[in-house]
């Protein structure tokens, strides 16, 4: 239970980073909602990696390089899922606000990323 709570805290920090970067880019740059979201997701991934690596998951006994490749794989697949849901919502519901699409997409991608990080990245390595 502690692991899930810590993961949700990390995700909440990532969500704030995601929303903050998205809103700042939309407000103060000429980025469209689709381009801005790419940078926002990257910022969120960086925040959550630091927290998850240090507080949420036990080190799995893999090298940092191996862990990094695995974390990146799960992170990228989760980011792609997140972005596809986000973009789909904005295309289907033209008047939908980007921040609401971001919240829905992030919530749905959370389950995927937890499963991936918990099993593929920080689970016990095969011997």
N, C-alpha and C. Protein backbone atom coordinates (compact mmCIF):
# COMPACT_ATOMS: atom_id res chain seq x y z
N UNK A 1 0.82 -1.20 0.00
CA UNK A 1 0.00 0.00 0.00
C UNK A 1 0.87 1.27 0.00
N UNK A 2 1.99 1.21 0.74
CA UNK A 2 2.90 2.35 0.80
C UNK A 2 3.44 2.67 -0.59
N UNK A 3 3.73 1.63 -1.38
CA UNK A 3 4.26 1.83 -2.73
C UNK A 3 3.24 2.54 -3.62
N UNK A 4 1.99 2.16 -3.51
CA UNK A 4 0.96 2.79 -4.33
C UNK A 4 0.77 4.25 -3.93
N UNK A 5 0.77 4.52 -2.64
CA UNK A 5 0.63 5.90 -2.17
C UNK A 5 1.80 6.76 -2.66
N UNK A 6 3.01 6.23 -2.53
CA UNK A 6 4.18 6.96 -3.01
C UNK A 6 4.12 7.18 -4.52
N UNK A 7 3.65 6.17 -5.25
CA UNK A 7 3.51 6.29 -6.70
C UNK A 7 2.49 7.38 -7.04
N UNK A 8 1.39 7.42 -6.30
CA UNK A 8 0.37 8.43 -6.55
C UNK A 8 0.88 9.84 -6.21
N UNK A 9 1.70 9.93 -5.18
CA UNK A 9 2.31 11.23 -4.85
C UNK A 9 3.24 11.66 -5.98
N UNK A 10 4.08 10.73 -6.44
CA UNK A 10 4.97 11.04 -7.57
C UNK A 10 4.15 11.44 -8.79
N UNK A 11 3.08 10.71 -9.03
CA UNK A 11 2.22 11.04 -10.16
C UNK A 11 1.55 12.40 -10.01
N UNK A 12 1.20 12.75 -8.79
CA UNK A 12 0.59 14.06 -8.55
C UNK A 12 1.58 15.18 -8.83
N UNK A 13 2.83 14.98 -8.41
CA UNK A 13 3.87 15.97 -8.71
C UNK A 13 4.06 16.06 -10.23
N UNK A 14 4.09 14.91 -10.89
CA UNK A 14 4.20 14.90 -12.34
C UNK A 14 3.02 15.57 -13.02
N UNK A 15 1.83 15.36 -12.48
CA UNK A 15 0.63 15.97 -13.03
C UNK A 15 0.69 17.49 -12.91
N UNK A 16 1.17 17.99 -11.77
CA UNK A 16 1.31 19.44 -11.60
C UNK A 16 2.35 19.99 -12.58
N UNK A 17 3.45 19.27 -12.74
CA UNK A 17 4.47 19.70 -13.71
C UNK A 17 3.89 19.68 -15.12
N UNK A 18 3.18 18.63 -15.46
CA UNK A 18 2.56 18.47 -16.77
C UNK A 18 1.59 19.63 -17.04
N UNK A 19 0.67 19.84 -16.12
CA UNK A 19 -0.33 20.89 -16.29
C UNK A 19 0.32 22.27 -16.32
N UNK A 20 1.29 22.49 -15.45
CA UNK A 20 1.96 23.78 -15.40
C UNK A 20 2.68 24.12 -16.69
N UNK A 21 3.45 23.16 -17.19
CA UNK A 21 4.17 23.39 -18.44
C UNK A 21 3.19 23.57 -19.60
N UNK A 22 2.15 22.74 -19.65
CA UNK A 22 1.15 22.86 -20.71
C UNK A 22 0.50 24.24 -20.69
N UNK A 23 0.04 24.66 -19.53
CA UNK A 23 -0.64 25.95 -19.44
C UNK A 23 0.31 27.11 -19.74
N UNK A 24 1.54 27.04 -19.25
CA UNK A 24 2.51 28.11 -19.53
C UNK A 24 2.82 28.21 -21.01
N UNK A 25 3.04 27.06 -21.64
CA UNK A 25 3.35 27.08 -23.07
C UNK A 25 2.16 27.58 -23.90
N UNK A 26 0.96 27.18 -23.51
CA UNK A 26 -0.21 27.64 -24.26
C UNK A 26 -0.46 29.14 -24.06
N UNK A 27 -0.15 29.61 -22.89
CA UNK A 27 -0.40 31.02 -22.57
C UNK A 27 0.67 31.97 -23.12
N UNK A 28 1.93 31.56 -23.04
CA UNK A 28 3.03 32.49 -23.32
C UNK A 28 3.85 32.17 -24.57
N UNK A 29 3.47 31.16 -25.31
CA UNK A 29 4.18 30.85 -26.56
C UNK A 29 3.16 30.65 -27.67
N UNK A 30 3.68 30.41 -28.85
CA UNK A 30 2.79 30.17 -29.98
C UNK A 30 2.55 28.67 -30.20
N UNK A 31 2.97 27.84 -29.23
CA UNK A 31 2.74 26.40 -29.36
C UNK A 31 1.24 26.11 -29.41
N UNK A 32 0.88 25.15 -30.24
CA UNK A 32 -0.50 24.66 -30.25
C UNK A 32 -0.62 23.60 -29.16
N UNK A 33 -1.84 23.18 -28.81
CA UNK A 33 -2.01 22.20 -27.73
C UNK A 33 -1.30 20.87 -27.95
N UNK A 34 -1.09 20.49 -29.20
CA UNK A 34 -0.45 19.21 -29.49
C UNK A 34 1.07 19.29 -29.30
N UNK A 35 1.68 20.37 -29.76
CA UNK A 35 3.12 20.54 -29.58
C UNK A 35 3.47 20.79 -28.11
N UNK A 36 2.69 21.63 -27.46
CA UNK A 36 2.95 21.96 -26.06
C UNK A 36 2.88 20.71 -25.18
N UNK A 37 1.99 19.80 -25.52
CA UNK A 37 1.81 18.60 -24.71
C UNK A 37 3.06 17.72 -24.71
N UNK A 38 3.80 17.71 -25.79
CA UNK A 38 5.02 16.90 -25.86
C UNK A 38 6.02 17.38 -24.80
N UNK A 39 6.21 18.68 -24.70
CA UNK A 39 7.14 19.23 -23.70
C UNK A 39 6.61 19.03 -22.28
N UNK A 40 5.30 19.13 -22.12
CA UNK A 40 4.70 18.95 -20.81
C UNK A 40 4.87 17.51 -20.31
N UNK A 41 4.68 16.56 -21.19
CA UNK A 41 4.87 15.15 -20.83
C UNK A 41 6.33 14.89 -20.45
N UNK A 42 7.25 15.45 -21.20
CA UNK A 42 8.68 15.27 -20.90
C UNK A 42 9.02 15.82 -19.51
N UNK A 43 8.49 16.97 -19.17
CA UNK A 43 8.73 17.56 -17.85
C UNK A 43 8.16 16.66 -16.75
N UNK A 44 6.97 16.15 -16.96
CA UNK A 44 6.35 15.27 -15.97
C UNK A 44 7.14 13.97 -15.80
N UNK A 45 7.62 13.42 -16.90
CA UNK A 45 8.41 12.18 -16.81
C UNK A 45 9.68 12.39 -16.01
N UNK A 46 10.33 13.50 -16.20
CA UNK A 46 11.54 13.79 -15.44
C UNK A 46 11.27 13.88 -13.95
N UNK A 47 10.20 14.56 -13.60
CA UNK A 47 9.84 14.69 -12.18
C UNK A 47 9.51 13.34 -11.56
N UNK A 48 8.69 12.56 -12.25
CA UNK A 48 8.27 11.28 -11.66
C UNK A 48 9.42 10.28 -11.59
N UNK A 49 10.34 10.33 -12.55
CA UNK A 49 11.48 9.41 -12.50
C UNK A 49 12.29 9.64 -11.23
N UNK A 50 12.58 10.89 -10.93
CA UNK A 50 13.37 11.20 -9.74
C UNK A 50 12.68 10.68 -8.47
N UNK A 51 11.40 10.93 -8.35
CA UNK A 51 10.67 10.51 -7.15
C UNK A 51 10.52 8.99 -7.10
N UNK A 52 10.12 8.38 -8.20
CA UNK A 52 9.94 6.92 -8.20
C UNK A 52 11.24 6.18 -7.93
N UNK A 53 12.32 6.65 -8.51
CA UNK A 53 13.61 5.97 -8.33
C UNK A 53 14.09 6.05 -6.89
N UNK A 54 13.84 7.19 -6.25
CA UNK A 54 14.38 7.40 -4.91
C UNK A 54 13.44 7.04 -3.77
N UNK A 55 12.14 7.05 -4.02
CA UNK A 55 11.21 6.84 -2.91
C UNK A 55 10.18 5.73 -3.11
N UNK A 56 9.73 5.50 -4.33
CA UNK A 56 8.61 4.59 -4.53
C UNK A 56 9.02 3.13 -4.63
N UNK A 57 9.99 2.84 -5.48
CA UNK A 57 10.34 1.46 -5.77
C UNK A 57 11.70 1.09 -5.19
N UNK A 58 11.82 -0.14 -4.76
CA UNK A 58 13.11 -0.66 -4.32
C UNK A 58 13.97 -0.87 -5.56
N UNK A 59 15.23 -0.62 -5.44
CA UNK A 59 16.13 -0.86 -6.57
C UNK A 59 16.06 -2.36 -6.90
N UNK A 60 15.96 -2.66 -8.18
CA UNK A 60 15.75 -4.03 -8.61
C UNK A 60 17.00 -4.86 -8.79
N UNK A 61 18.16 -4.34 -8.49
CA UNK A 61 19.38 -5.10 -8.64
C UNK A 61 19.96 -5.04 -10.03
N UNK A 62 19.39 -4.24 -10.89
CA UNK A 62 19.92 -4.08 -12.24
C UNK A 62 20.90 -2.92 -12.26
N UNK A 63 21.71 -2.88 -13.31
CA UNK A 63 22.60 -1.74 -13.48
C UNK A 63 21.77 -0.49 -13.75
N UNK A 64 22.36 0.67 -13.52
CA UNK A 64 21.66 1.92 -13.77
C UNK A 64 21.30 2.02 -15.25
N UNK A 65 22.19 1.56 -16.13
CA UNK A 65 21.92 1.61 -17.56
C UNK A 65 20.72 0.74 -17.92
N UNK A 66 20.69 -0.48 -17.40
CA UNK A 66 19.57 -1.38 -17.67
C UNK A 66 18.27 -0.81 -17.11
N UNK A 67 18.35 -0.30 -15.89
CA UNK A 67 17.16 0.30 -15.29
C UNK A 67 16.70 1.50 -16.11
N UNK A 68 17.65 2.30 -16.58
CA UNK A 68 17.31 3.47 -17.38
C UNK A 68 16.60 3.11 -18.68
N UNK A 69 17.10 2.08 -19.35
CA UNK A 69 16.46 1.63 -20.60
C UNK A 69 15.05 1.13 -20.32
N UNK A 70 14.90 0.34 -19.27
CA UNK A 70 13.58 -0.18 -18.92
C UNK A 70 12.63 0.94 -18.51
N UNK A 71 13.12 1.87 -17.67
CA UNK A 71 12.29 2.98 -17.24
C UNK A 71 11.87 3.82 -18.44
N UNK A 72 12.83 4.08 -19.33
CA UNK A 72 12.52 4.85 -20.53
C UNK A 72 11.50 4.16 -21.42
N UNK A 73 11.60 2.83 -21.53
CA UNK A 73 10.65 2.08 -22.35
C UNK A 73 9.23 2.20 -21.81
N UNK A 74 9.10 1.98 -20.51
CA UNK A 74 7.78 2.09 -19.89
C UNK A 74 7.30 3.54 -19.97
N UNK A 75 8.19 4.48 -19.68
CA UNK A 75 7.82 5.89 -19.71
C UNK A 75 7.36 6.33 -21.10
N UNK A 76 8.10 5.91 -22.12
CA UNK A 76 7.71 6.28 -23.49
C UNK A 76 6.40 5.63 -23.90
N UNK A 77 6.20 4.37 -23.55
CA UNK A 77 4.94 3.72 -23.91
C UNK A 77 3.77 4.38 -23.17
N UNK A 78 3.98 4.73 -21.93
CA UNK A 78 2.95 5.42 -21.16
C UNK A 78 2.69 6.82 -21.73
N UNK A 79 3.77 7.50 -22.12
CA UNK A 79 3.63 8.84 -22.70
C UNK A 79 2.87 8.77 -24.03
N UNK A 80 3.17 7.76 -24.84
CA UNK A 80 2.46 7.59 -26.11
C UNK A 80 0.98 7.32 -25.88
N UNK A 81 0.68 6.44 -24.94
CA UNK A 81 -0.71 6.16 -24.60
C UNK A 81 -1.39 7.44 -24.13
N UNK A 82 -0.72 8.16 -23.25
CA UNK A 82 -1.23 9.41 -22.71
C UNK A 82 -1.50 10.40 -23.84
N UNK A 83 -0.54 10.56 -24.73
CA UNK A 83 -0.68 11.53 -25.83
C UNK A 83 -1.78 11.13 -26.81
N UNK A 84 -1.87 9.85 -27.12
CA UNK A 84 -2.91 9.38 -28.05
C UNK A 84 -4.30 9.65 -27.49
N UNK A 85 -4.49 9.38 -26.21
CA UNK A 85 -5.78 9.64 -25.58
C UNK A 85 -6.06 11.15 -25.59
N UNK A 86 -5.06 11.94 -25.21
CA UNK A 86 -5.18 13.40 -25.18
C UNK A 86 -5.57 13.94 -26.56
N UNK A 87 -4.80 13.57 -27.58
CA UNK A 87 -5.06 14.06 -28.93
C UNK A 87 -6.42 13.59 -29.44
N UNK A 88 -6.77 12.35 -29.15
CA UNK A 88 -8.07 11.83 -29.59
C UNK A 88 -9.22 12.62 -28.99
N UNK A 89 -9.10 12.92 -27.71
CA UNK A 89 -10.15 13.72 -27.06
C UNK A 89 -10.28 15.09 -27.71
N UNK A 90 -9.15 15.71 -28.03
CA UNK A 90 -9.21 17.04 -28.64
C UNK A 90 -9.73 17.00 -30.08
N UNK A 91 -9.45 15.92 -30.80
CA UNK A 91 -9.96 15.79 -32.16
C UNK A 91 -11.45 15.47 -32.18
N UNK A 92 -11.88 14.58 -31.29
CA UNK A 92 -13.28 14.16 -31.27
C UNK A 92 -14.17 15.25 -30.67
N UNK A 93 -13.71 15.85 -29.60
CA UNK A 93 -14.48 16.89 -28.91
C UNK A 93 -13.76 18.23 -29.12
N UNK A 94 -14.05 18.88 -30.23
CA UNK A 94 -13.31 20.05 -30.68
C UNK A 94 -13.31 21.17 -29.63
N UNK A 95 -14.36 21.34 -28.89
CA UNK A 95 -14.45 22.42 -27.91
C UNK A 95 -13.87 22.03 -26.55
N UNK A 96 -13.36 20.83 -26.44
CA UNK A 96 -12.81 20.33 -25.17
C UNK A 96 -11.57 21.13 -24.80
N UNK A 97 -11.45 21.52 -23.56
CA UNK A 97 -10.29 22.28 -23.11
C UNK A 97 -9.09 21.33 -22.96
N UNK A 98 -7.91 21.75 -23.42
CA UNK A 98 -6.72 20.90 -23.34
C UNK A 98 -6.41 20.41 -21.92
N UNK A 99 -6.63 21.23 -20.93
CA UNK A 99 -6.31 20.82 -19.56
C UNK A 99 -7.17 19.65 -19.11
N UNK A 100 -8.44 19.62 -19.53
CA UNK A 100 -9.31 18.50 -19.16
C UNK A 100 -8.91 17.23 -19.91
N UNK A 101 -8.53 17.39 -21.17
CA UNK A 101 -8.04 16.23 -21.94
C UNK A 101 -6.77 15.69 -21.30
N UNK A 102 -5.90 16.57 -20.83
CA UNK A 102 -4.66 16.16 -20.16
C UNK A 102 -4.96 15.38 -18.88
N UNK A 103 -5.92 15.85 -18.11
CA UNK A 103 -6.26 15.16 -16.85
C UNK A 103 -6.81 13.76 -17.11
N UNK A 104 -7.69 13.63 -18.07
CA UNK A 104 -8.27 12.33 -18.40
C UNK A 104 -7.19 11.39 -18.93
N UNK A 105 -6.39 11.86 -19.87
CA UNK A 105 -5.35 11.03 -20.47
C UNK A 105 -4.33 10.59 -19.43
N UNK A 106 -3.93 11.49 -18.57
CA UNK A 106 -2.95 11.16 -17.53
C UNK A 106 -3.51 10.13 -16.55
N UNK A 107 -4.75 10.29 -16.19
CA UNK A 107 -5.37 9.33 -15.28
C UNK A 107 -5.41 7.92 -15.86
N UNK A 108 -5.73 7.82 -17.13
CA UNK A 108 -5.79 6.50 -17.77
C UNK A 108 -4.41 5.88 -17.95
N UNK A 109 -3.41 6.70 -18.23
CA UNK A 109 -2.05 6.19 -18.44
C UNK A 109 -1.38 5.79 -17.12
N UNK A 110 -1.90 6.25 -16.01
CA UNK A 110 -1.31 5.95 -14.70
C UNK A 110 -1.30 4.45 -14.41
N UNK A 111 -2.37 3.77 -14.71
CA UNK A 111 -2.45 2.32 -14.44
C UNK A 111 -1.38 1.57 -15.24
N UNK A 112 -1.24 1.91 -16.49
CA UNK A 112 -0.24 1.28 -17.34
C UNK A 112 1.16 1.51 -16.79
N UNK A 113 1.47 2.73 -16.43
CA UNK A 113 2.82 3.04 -15.97
C UNK A 113 3.13 2.36 -14.64
N UNK A 114 2.17 2.31 -13.73
CA UNK A 114 2.43 1.64 -12.45
C UNK A 114 2.76 0.16 -12.67
N UNK A 115 1.95 -0.50 -13.48
CA UNK A 115 2.19 -1.91 -13.77
C UNK A 115 3.57 -2.10 -14.40
N UNK A 116 3.90 -1.25 -15.36
CA UNK A 116 5.19 -1.37 -16.04
C UNK A 116 6.38 -1.11 -15.13
N UNK A 117 6.30 -0.04 -14.35
CA UNK A 117 7.42 0.28 -13.45
C UNK A 117 7.57 -0.78 -12.37
N UNK A 118 6.46 -1.22 -11.82
CA UNK A 118 6.49 -2.18 -10.72
C UNK A 118 7.00 -3.55 -11.15
N UNK A 119 6.66 -3.97 -12.35
CA UNK A 119 7.05 -5.31 -12.78
C UNK A 119 8.29 -5.32 -13.68
N UNK A 120 8.31 -4.47 -14.69
CA UNK A 120 9.36 -4.52 -15.69
C UNK A 120 10.63 -3.77 -15.27
N UNK A 121 10.48 -2.67 -14.56
CA UNK A 121 11.64 -1.87 -14.21
C UNK A 121 12.21 -2.24 -12.84
N UNK A 122 11.36 -2.27 -11.83
CA UNK A 122 11.85 -2.46 -10.47
C UNK A 122 11.54 -3.83 -9.89
N UNK A 123 10.92 -4.71 -10.67
CA UNK A 123 10.70 -6.08 -10.20
C UNK A 123 12.03 -6.82 -10.13
N UNK A 124 12.04 -7.94 -9.47
CA UNK A 124 13.28 -8.71 -9.32
C UNK A 124 13.79 -9.16 -10.69
N UNK A 125 15.09 -8.98 -10.92
CA UNK A 125 15.65 -9.44 -12.19
C UNK A 125 15.71 -10.96 -12.23
N UNK A 126 15.58 -11.50 -13.41
CA UNK A 126 15.71 -12.96 -13.58
C UNK A 126 17.16 -13.36 -13.37
N UNK A 127 17.35 -14.47 -12.71
CA UNK A 127 18.73 -14.94 -12.46
C UNK A 127 19.02 -16.18 -13.23
